[in-house]
């Protein structure tokens, strides 16, 4: 099955963390200072945007606020597919399926 490019994230190392690009766009996941998950233009050149510095730990995609702690990307999988995008939030990391992501190598 072919996946929509907006459902595929590409991660690359950036300043000790990961920059997560959305599909084939030049936009990245952005934590909006911990308020919500946005799709926002990626930092240009050598600039580092702390809101776009992500980590993968235990199959979870998480953001570390400057004052400490961890917030995980949480998808409410019980929502209808059409409205699921608005159900993506940053939440306290807990062991639940809505916070697990599958890693896949697209090149092999």
Protein backbone atom coordinates (compact mmCIF):
# COMPACT_ATOMS: atom_id res chain seq x y z
CA UNK A 1 0.00 0.00 0.00
CA UNK A 2 1.26 3.45 -0.87
CA UNK A 3 1.38 5.90 2.02
CA UNK A 4 0.56 9.58 1.65
CA UNK A 5 3.78 11.57 1.94
CA UNK A 6 2.30 13.60 4.81
CA UNK A 7 2.09 10.36 6.86
CA UNK A 8 5.83 9.71 6.54
CA UNK A 9 8.33 11.54 8.73
CA UNK A 10 12.02 11.86 7.92
CA UNK A 11 14.40 12.32 10.85
CA UNK A 12 17.94 13.64 10.61
CA UNK A 13 20.48 14.42 13.30
CA UNK A 14 20.53 18.06 14.37
CA UNK A 15 22.38 19.56 17.37
CA UNK A 16 22.26 16.39 19.48
CA UNK A 17 18.62 15.69 18.66
CA UNK A 18 16.50 14.99 15.57
CA UNK A 19 14.85 17.32 13.10
CA UNK A 20 11.64 15.65 11.92
CA UNK A 21 10.52 16.61 8.42
CA UNK A 22 6.96 15.96 7.30
CA UNK A 23 6.79 13.98 4.06
CA UNK A 24 8.63 15.57 1.16
CA UNK A 25 7.98 19.13 2.36
CA UNK A 26 10.47 21.61 3.82
CA UNK A 27 8.33 21.76 6.97
CA UNK A 28 9.13 20.15 10.31
CA UNK A 29 7.31 19.07 13.43
CA UNK A 30 7.44 21.95 15.90
CA UNK A 31 6.54 21.78 19.61
CA UNK A 32 5.33 25.41 19.82
CA UNK A 33 7.00 25.79 23.23
CA UNK A 34 5.10 22.72 24.48
CA UNK A 35 1.64 24.06 23.64
CA UNK A 36 0.88 21.84 20.63
CA UNK A 37 2.40 20.03 17.66
CA UNK A 38 2.61 22.21 14.56
CA UNK A 39 3.91 21.70 11.05
CA UNK A 40 6.19 24.72 10.67
CA UNK A 41 9.01 25.72 8.29
CA UNK A 42 12.25 23.95 9.24
CA UNK A 43 15.09 26.02 10.66
CA UNK A 44 17.28 27.44 7.90
CA UNK A 45 20.97 26.63 7.55
CA UNK A 46 22.86 26.24 10.80
CA UNK A 47 20.14 27.89 12.90
CA UNK A 48 18.70 25.63 15.61
CA UNK A 49 15.07 25.93 16.67
CA UNK A 50 14.65 24.31 20.11
CA UNK A 51 10.99 23.66 19.28
CA UNK A 52 12.11 21.40 16.43
CA UNK A 53 14.57 19.29 18.45
CA UNK A 54 13.00 15.84 18.92
CA UNK A 55 14.18 12.58 20.46
CA UNK A 56 13.14 8.96 19.96
CA UNK A 57 13.08 6.85 23.09
CA UNK A 58 11.35 3.52 23.54
CA UNK A 59 9.45 3.92 20.25
CA UNK A 60 8.12 7.32 21.34
CA UNK A 61 8.71 10.69 19.71
CA UNK A 62 9.38 13.21 22.45
CA UNK A 63 10.32 16.83 22.98
CA UNK A 64 12.33 18.06 25.94
CA UNK A 65 11.29 21.50 27.22
CA UNK A 66 14.14 23.88 28.14
CA UNK A 67 13.19 23.75 31.84
CA UNK A 68 13.28 19.94 31.93
CA UNK A 69 10.93 17.00 31.59
CA UNK A 70 9.64 15.24 28.49
CA UNK A 71 6.48 15.55 26.42
CA UNK A 72 5.48 12.83 23.93
CA UNK A 73 3.64 13.19 20.66
CA UNK A 74 0.27 11.58 21.31
CA UNK A 75 -2.20 10.62 18.57
CA UNK A 76 -5.70 9.86 19.67
CA UNK A 77 -6.15 6.73 17.55
CA UNK A 78 -9.81 6.41 18.57
CA UNK A 79 -10.72 9.50 16.52
CA UNK A 80 -12.02 9.14 12.95
CA UNK A 81 -9.17 9.28 10.42
CA UNK A 82 -10.42 12.53 8.86
CA UNK A 83 -10.20 14.41 12.16
CA UNK A 84 -7.15 12.66 13.57
CA UNK A 85 -4.68 15.40 12.54
CA UNK A 86 -6.24 17.78 15.04
CA UNK A 87 -5.92 15.03 17.66
CA UNK A 88 -2.12 15.13 17.64
CA UNK A 89 -0.98 16.63 20.93
CA UNK A 90 1.95 16.86 23.31
CA UNK A 91 1.25 14.96 26.51
CA UNK A 92 3.13 13.59 29.49
CA UNK A 93 4.84 10.39 28.32
CA UNK A 94 2.94 7.28 29.42
CA UNK A 95 2.86 3.65 28.18
CA UNK A 96 -0.01 3.77 25.64
CA UNK A 97 -0.47 2.96 21.96
CA UNK A 98 -1.21 6.55 20.90
CA UNK A 99 2.37 7.49 21.76
CA UNK A 100 4.10 4.71 19.80
CA UNK A 101 5.54 5.20 16.33
CA UNK A 102 6.86 2.63 13.87
CA UNK A 103 10.32 3.12 12.42
CA UNK A 104 10.70 2.12 8.80
CA UNK A 105 13.67 2.39 6.46
CA UNK A 106 12.35 3.76 3.19
CA UNK A 107 15.56 2.88 1.35
CA UNK A 108 15.77 -0.81 1.96
